[in-house]
Amino acid sequence: MAKKTQKTHKGTKKVLNVRQSGSISIGHAGSRHNTGKKNSAYNRAKTTSVALNKSDAKRLKRIIDTL
């Protein structure tokens, strides 16, 4: 019988990016839709990605281990 392995969570994989250094980057919330009613400064600020903190990155590494 084959050993059971943890499958990659595909929804998480589409949202996160693993950098060459091993840190994980993620986009800001609130930048997907309904941006017409938000001001331009808010929308521009949300275009940059940010690194996850170490505790979240450690927890999510298991879920996206095949990235």
PDB file of N, CA and C in Angstrom:
ATOM      1  N   MET A   1       0.834  -1.181   0.000  1.00  0.00           N
ATOM      2  CA  MET A   1       0.000   0.000   0.000  1.00  0.00           C
ATOM      3  C   MET A   1       0.880   1.247   0.000  1.00  0.00           C
ATOM      4  N   ALA A   2       0.516   2.221  -0.819  1.00  0.00           N
ATOM      5  CA  ALA A   2       1.319   3.426  -0.951  1.00  0.00           C
ATOM      6  C   ALA A   2       1.192   4.315   0.275  1.00  0.00           C
ATOM      7  N   LYS A   3       2.251   5.027   0.550  1.00  0.00           N
ATOM      8  CA  LYS A   3       2.259   5.955   1.673  1.00  0.00           C
ATOM      9  C   LYS A   3       1.405   7.175   1.332  1.00  0.00           C
ATOM     10  N   LYS A   4       0.573   7.606   2.266  1.00  0.00           N
ATOM     11  CA  LYS A   4      -0.256   8.786   2.041  1.00  0.00           C
ATOM     12  C   LYS A   4       0.601  10.029   2.192  1.00  0.00           C
ATOM     13  N   THR A   5       0.423  10.965   1.285  1.00  0.00           N
ATOM     14  CA  THR A   5       1.182  12.205   1.339  1.00  0.00           C
ATOM     15  C   THR A   5       0.226  13.383   1.377  1.00  0.00           C
ATOM     16  N   GLN A   6       0.738  14.488   1.881  1.00  0.00           N
ATOM     17  CA  GLN A   6      -0.052  15.717   1.945  1.00  0.00           C
ATOM     18  C   GLN A   6      -0.146  16.321   0.553  1.00  0.00           C
ATOM     19  N   LYS A   7      -1.362  16.581   0.087  1.00  0.00           N
ATOM     20  CA  LYS A   7      -1.542  17.197  -1.214  1.00  0.00           C
ATOM     21  C   LYS A   7      -1.384  18.709  -1.096  1.00  0.00           C
ATOM     22  N   THR A   8      -0.941  19.320  -2.171  1.00  0.00           N
ATOM     23  CA  THR A   8      -0.828  20.770  -2.217  1.00  0.00           C
ATOM     24  C   THR A   8      -2.223  21.377  -2.240  1.00  0.00           C
ATOM     25  N   HIS A   9      -2.433  22.414  -1.434  1.00  0.00           N
ATOM     26  CA  HIS A   9      -3.708  23.129  -1.442  1.00  0.00           C
ATOM     27  C   HIS A   9      -3.672  24.112  -2.610  1.00  0.00           C
ATOM     28  N   LYS A  10      -4.446  23.829  -3.659  1.00  0.00           N
ATOM     29  CA  LYS A  10      -4.353  24.577  -4.908  1.00  0.00           C
ATOM     30  C   LYS A  10      -4.792  26.028  -4.764  1.00  0.00           C
ATOM     31  N   GLY A  11      -5.776  26.301  -3.903  1.00  0.00           N
ATOM     32  CA  GLY A  11      -6.218  27.682  -3.697  1.00  0.00           C
ATOM     33  C   GLY A  11      -5.125  28.521  -3.070  1.00  0.00           C
ATOM     34  N   THR A  12      -4.403  27.941  -2.115  1.00  0.00           N
ATOM     35  CA  THR A  12      -3.305  28.642  -1.464  1.00  0.00           C
ATOM     36  C   THR A  12      -2.151  28.832  -2.427  1.00  0.00           C
ATOM     37  N   LYS A  13      -1.896  27.837  -3.250  1.00  0.00           N
ATOM     38  CA  LYS A  13      -0.796  27.906  -4.207  1.00  0.00           C
ATOM     39  C   LYS A  13      -0.972  29.066  -5.186  1.00  0.00           C
ATOM     40  N   LYS A  14      -2.228  29.365  -5.543  1.00  0.00           N
ATOM     41  CA  LYS A  14      -2.491  30.442  -6.499  1.00  0.00           C
ATOM     42  C   LYS A  14      -2.323  31.824  -5.889  1.00  0.00           C
ATOM     43  N   VAL A  15      -2.333  31.921  -4.572  1.00  0.00           N
ATOM     44  CA  VAL A  15      -2.284  33.212  -3.898  1.00  0.00           C
ATOM     45  C   VAL A  15      -0.873  33.560  -3.435  1.00  0.00           C
ATOM     46  N   LEU A  16      -0.091  32.557  -3.064  1.00  0.00           N
ATOM     47  CA  LEU A  16       1.239  32.775  -2.501  1.00  0.00           C
ATOM     48  C   LEU A  16       2.331  32.553  -3.538  1.00  0.00           C
ATOM     49  N   ASN A  17       3.457  33.231  -3.348  1.00  0.00           N
ATOM     50  CA  ASN A  17       4.642  33.024  -4.175  1.00  0.00           C
ATOM     51  C   ASN A  17       5.826  32.787  -3.256  1.00  0.00           C
ATOM     52  N   VAL A  18       6.618  31.758  -3.558  1.00  0.00           N
ATOM     53  CA  VAL A  18       7.825  31.487  -2.790  1.00  0.00           C
ATOM     54  C   VAL A  18       8.989  32.149  -3.503  1.00  0.00           C
ATOM     55  N   ARG A  19       9.682  33.011  -2.786  1.00  0.00           N
ATOM     56  CA  ARG A  19      10.835  33.716  -3.365  1.00  0.00           C
ATOM     57  C   ARG A  19      12.061  32.819  -3.326  1.00  0.00           C
ATOM     58  N   GLN A  20      13.123  33.217  -4.038  1.00  0.00           N
ATOM     59  CA  GLN A  20      14.343  32.416  -4.059  1.00  0.00           C
ATOM     60  C   GLN A  20      14.965  32.291  -2.684  1.00  0.00           C
ATOM     61  N   SER A  21      14.785  33.296  -1.848  1.00  0.00           N
ATOM     62  CA  SER A  21      15.341  33.255  -0.498  1.00  0.00           C
ATOM     63  C   SER A  21      14.580  32.299   0.409  1.00  0.00           C
ATOM     64  N   GLY A  22      13.393  31.854  -0.050  1.00  0.00           N
ATOM     65  CA  GLY A  22      12.592  30.944   0.755  1.00  0.00           C
ATOM     66  C   GLY A  22      11.445  31.636   1.465  1.00  0.00           C
ATOM     67  N   SER A  23      11.464  32.982   1.490  1.00  0.00           N
ATOM     68  CA  SER A  23      10.353  33.696   2.104  1.00  0.00           C
ATOM     69  C   SER A  23       9.138  33.631   1.187  1.00  0.00           C
ATOM     70  N   ILE A  24       7.982  33.810   1.754  1.00  0.00           N
ATOM     71  CA  ILE A  24       6.733  33.709   1.006  1.00  0.00           C
ATOM     72  C   ILE A  24       6.122  35.093   0.874  1.00  0.00           C
ATOM     73  N   SER A  25       5.762  35.459  -0.347  1.00  0.00           N
ATOM     74  CA  SER A  25       5.113  36.746  -0.569  1.00  0.00           C
ATOM     75  C   SER A  25       3.651  36.533  -0.899  1.00  0.00           C
ATOM     76  N   ILE A  26       2.840  37.494  -0.509  1.00  0.00           N
ATOM     77  CA  ILE A  26       1.403  37.426  -0.716  1.00  0.00           C
ATOM     78  C   ILE A  26       0.904  38.827  -1.048  1.00  0.00           C
ATOM     79  N   GLY A  27      -0.135  38.896  -1.858  1.00  0.00           N
ATOM     80  CA  GLY A  27      -0.716  40.186  -2.207  1.00  0.00           C
ATOM     81  C   GLY A  27      -1.603  40.712  -1.097  1.00  0.00           C
ATOM     82  N   HIS A  28      -1.928  41.991  -1.171  1.00  0.00           N
ATOM     83  CA  HIS A  28      -2.794  42.612  -0.177  1.00  0.00           C
ATOM     84  C   HIS A  28      -4.249  42.227  -0.421  1.00  0.00           C
ATOM     85  N   ALA A  29      -5.009  42.200   0.640  1.00  0.00           N
ATOM     86  CA  ALA A  29      -6.450  42.008   0.524  1.00  0.00           C
ATOM     87  C   ALA A  29      -7.091  43.319   0.076  1.00  0.00           C
ATOM     88  N   GLY A  30      -8.236  43.223  -0.568  1.00  0.00           N
ATOM     89  CA  GLY A  30      -8.976  44.418  -0.951  1.00  0.00           C
ATOM     90  C   GLY A  30      -8.582  44.993  -2.289  1.00  0.00           C
ATOM     91  N   SER A  31      -7.878  44.215  -3.116  1.00  0.00           N
ATOM     92  CA  SER A  31      -7.422  44.752  -4.395  1.00  0.00           C
ATOM     93  C   SER A  31      -7.985  43.998  -5.589  1.00  0.00           C
ATOM     94  N   ARG A  32      -8.936  43.102  -5.374  1.00  0.00           N
ATOM     95  CA  ARG A  32      -9.430  42.254  -6.455  1.00  0.00           C
ATOM     96  C   ARG A  32     -10.573  42.891  -7.235  1.00  0.00           C
ATOM     97  N   HIS A  33     -11.558  43.404  -6.544  1.00  0.00           N
ATOM     98  CA  HIS A  33     -12.731  43.950  -7.237  1.00  0.00           C
ATOM     99  C   HIS A  33     -13.286  45.115  -6.414  1.00  0.00           C
ATOM    100  N   ASN A  34     -14.263  45.826  -6.990  1.00  0.00           N
ATOM    101  CA  ASN A  34     -14.849  47.024  -6.380  1.00  0.00           C
ATOM    102  C   ASN A  34     -13.793  48.096  -6.108  1.00  0.00           C
ATOM    103  N   THR A  35     -12.818  48.212  -7.006  1.00  0.00           N
ATOM    104  CA  THR A  35     -11.760  49.197  -6.802  1.00  0.00           C
ATOM    105  C   THR A  35     -12.126  50.563  -7.380  1.00  0.00           C
ATOM    106  N   GLY A  36     -13.215  50.641  -8.131  1.00  0.00           N
ATOM    107  CA  GLY A  36     -13.618  51.922  -8.701  1.00  0.00           C
ATOM    108  C   GLY A  36     -14.067  52.914  -7.660  1.00  0.00           C
ATOM    109  N   LYS A  37     -14.617  52.434  -6.571  1.00  0.00           N
ATOM    110  CA  LYS A  37     -15.095  53.323  -5.511  1.00  0.00           C
ATOM    111  C   LYS A  37     -14.013  53.660  -4.490  1.00  0.00           C
ATOM    112  N   LYS A  38     -12.873  52.993  -4.581  1.00  0.00           N
ATOM    113  CA  LYS A  38     -11.765  53.266  -3.664  1.00  0.00           C
ATOM    114  C   LYS A  38     -10.848  54.297  -4.306  1.00  0.00           C
ATOM    115  N   ASN A  39     -10.155  55.071  -3.465  1.00  0.00           N
ATOM    116  CA  ASN A  39      -9.326  56.127  -4.047  1.00  0.00           C
ATOM    117  C   ASN A  39      -8.036  55.561  -4.644  1.00  0.00           C
ATOM    118  N   SER A  40      -7.408  56.330  -5.501  1.00  0.00           N
ATOM    119  CA  SER A  40      -6.258  55.874  -6.278  1.00  0.00           C
ATOM    120  C   SER A  40      -5.074  55.510  -5.393  1.00  0.00           C
ATOM    121  N   ALA A  41      -4.857  56.262  -4.341  1.00  0.00           N
ATOM    122  CA  ALA A  41      -3.733  55.988  -3.455  1.00  0.00           C
ATOM    123  C   ALA A  41      -3.902  54.625  -2.795  1.00  0.00           C
ATOM    124  N   TYR A  42      -5.117  54.304  -2.418  1.00  0.00           N
ATOM    125  CA  TYR A  42      -5.414  53.000  -1.813  1.00  0.00           C
ATOM    126  C   TYR A  42      -5.134  51.887  -2.806  1.00  0.00           C
ATOM    127  N   ASN A  43      -5.604  52.046  -4.034  1.00  0.00           N
ATOM    128  CA  ASN A  43      -5.411  51.014  -5.061  1.00  0.00           C
ATOM    129  C   ASN A  43      -3.939  50.822  -5.403  1.00  0.00           C
ATOM    130  N   ARG A  44      -3.177  51.910  -5.475  1.00  0.00           N
ATOM    131  CA  ARG A  44      -1.742  51.790  -5.773  1.00  0.00           C
ATOM    132  C   ARG A  44      -1.000  51.106  -4.634  1.00  0.00           C
ATOM    133  N   ALA A  45      -1.389  51.399  -3.416  1.00  0.00           N
ATOM    134  CA  ALA A  45      -0.725  50.798  -2.257  1.00  0.00           C
ATOM    135  C   ALA A  45      -0.954  49.293  -2.205  1.00  0.00           C
ATOM    136  N   LYS A  46      -2.076  48.843  -2.746  1.00  0.00           N
ATOM    137  CA  LYS A  46      -2.411  47.423  -2.703  1.00  0.00           C
ATOM    138  C   LYS A  46      -1.751  46.615  -3.817  1.00  0.00           C
ATOM    139  N   THR A  47      -1.077  47.262  -4.773  1.00  0.00           N
ATOM    140  CA  THR A  47      -0.480  46.527  -5.883  1.00  0.00           C
ATOM    141  C   THR A  47       0.825  45.829  -5.493  1.00  0.00           C
ATOM    142  N   THR A  48       1.498  46.301  -4.458  1.00  0.00           N
ATOM    143  CA  THR A  48       2.759  45.690  -4.057  1.00  0.00           C
ATOM    144  C   THR A  48       2.500  44.439  -3.232  1.00  0.00           C
ATOM    145  N   SER A  49       3.442  43.524  -3.242  1.00  0.00           N
ATOM    146  CA  SER A  49       3.308  42.322  -2.427  1.00  0.00           C
ATOM    147  C   SER A  49       4.079  42.517  -1.130  1.00  0.00           C
ATOM    148  N   VAL A  50       3.738  41.729  -0.154  1.00  0.00           N
ATOM    149  CA  VAL A  50       4.359  41.827   1.160  1.00  0.00           C
ATOM    150  C   VAL A  50       4.765  40.422   1.599  1.00  0.00           C
ATOM    151  N   ALA A  51       5.824  40.323   2.407  1.00  0.00           N
ATOM    152  CA  ALA A  51       6.291  39.015   2.886  1.00  0.00           C
ATOM    153  C   ALA A  51       5.453  38.580   4.078  1.00  0.00           C
ATOM    154  N   LEU A  52       5.133  37.307   4.125  1.00  0.00           N
ATOM    155  CA  LEU A  52       4.438  36.755   5.287  1.00  0.00           C
ATOM    156  C   LEU A  52       5.375  36.746   6.477  1.00  0.00           C
ATOM    157  N   ASN A  53       4.820  36.898   7.675  1.00  0.00           N
ATOM    158  CA  ASN A  53       5.677  36.807   8.851  1.00  0.00           C
ATOM    159  C   ASN A  53       6.076  35.347   9.079  1.00  0.00           C
ATOM    160  N   LYS A  54       7.076  35.145   9.920  1.00  0.00           N
ATOM    161  CA  LYS A  54       7.684  33.820  10.050  1.00  0.00           C
ATOM    162  C   LYS A  54       6.718  32.762  10.573  1.00  0.00           C
ATOM    163  N   SER A  55       5.836  33.149  11.490  1.00  0.00           N
ATOM    164  CA  SER A  55       4.925  32.160  12.055  1.00  0.00           C
ATOM    165  C   SER A  55       3.924  31.674  11.016  1.00  0.00           C
ATOM    166  N   ASP A  56       3.401  32.588  10.182  1.00  0.00           N
ATOM    167  CA  ASP A  56       2.477  32.183   9.131  1.00  0.00           C
ATOM    168  C   ASP A  56       3.192  31.385   8.052  1.00  0.00           C
ATOM    169  N   ALA A  57       4.407  31.802   7.709  1.00  0.00           N
ATOM    170  CA  ALA A  57       5.166  31.101   6.671  1.00  0.00           C
ATOM    171  C   ALA A  57       5.456  29.668   7.095  1.00  0.00           C
ATOM    172  N   LYS A  58       5.811  29.479   8.347  1.00  0.00           N
ATOM    173  CA  LYS A  58       6.116  28.138   8.856  1.00  0.00           C
ATOM    174  C   LYS A  58       4.878  27.246   8.771  1.00  0.00           C
ATOM    175  N   ARG A  59       3.707  27.809   9.076  1.00  0.00           N
ATOM    176  CA  ARG A  59       2.462  27.050   9.063  1.00  0.00           C
ATOM    177  C   ARG A  59       2.048  26.694   7.642  1.00  0.00           C
ATOM    178  N   LEU A  60       2.285  27.609   6.686  1.00  0.00           N
ATOM    179  CA  LEU A  60       1.841  27.393   5.316  1.00  0.00           C
ATOM    180  C   LEU A  60       2.823  26.606   4.469  1.00  0.00           C
ATOM    181  N   LYS A  61       4.053  26.447   4.911  1.00  0.00           N
ATOM    182  CA  LYS A  61       5.058  25.687   4.162  1.00  0.00           C
ATOM    183  C   LYS A  61       4.590  24.257   3.923  1.00  0.00           C
ATOM    184  N   ARG A  62       3.946  23.655   4.918  1.00  0.00           N
ATOM    185  CA  ARG A  62       3.470  22.277   4.766  1.00  0.00           C
ATOM    186  C   ARG A  62       2.382  22.174   3.691  1.00  0.00           C
ATOM    187  N   ILE A  63       1.533  23.191   3.608  1.00  0.00           N
ATOM    188  CA  ILE A  63       0.410  23.151   2.666  1.00  0.00           C
ATOM    189  C   ILE A  63       0.904  23.317   1.229  1.00  0.00           C
ATOM    190  N   ILE A  64       1.922  24.146   1.033  1.00  0.00           N
ATOM    191  CA  ILE A  64       2.397  24.438  -0.327  1.00  0.00           C
ATOM    192  C   ILE A  64       3.780  23.858  -0.569  1.00  0.00           C
ATOM    193  N   ASP A  65       4.096  22.747   0.047  1.00  0.00           N
ATOM    194  CA  ASP A  65       5.438  22.189  -0.033  1.00  0.00           C
ATOM    195  C   ASP A  65       5.880  21.806  -1.428  1.00  0.00           C
ATOM    196  N   THR A  66       4.965  21.687  -2.358  1.00  0.00           N
ATOM    197  CA  THR A  66       5.344  21.290  -3.713  1.00  0.00           C
ATOM    198  C   THR A  66       5.469  22.469  -4.656  1.00  0.00           C
ATOM    199  N   LEU A  67       5.439  23.695  -4.148  1.00  0.00           N
ATOM    200  CA  LEU A  67       5.596  24.865  -5.043  1.00  0.00           C
ATOM    201  C   LEU A  67       7.000  24.941  -5.587  1.00  0.00           C
TER     202      LEU A  67
END
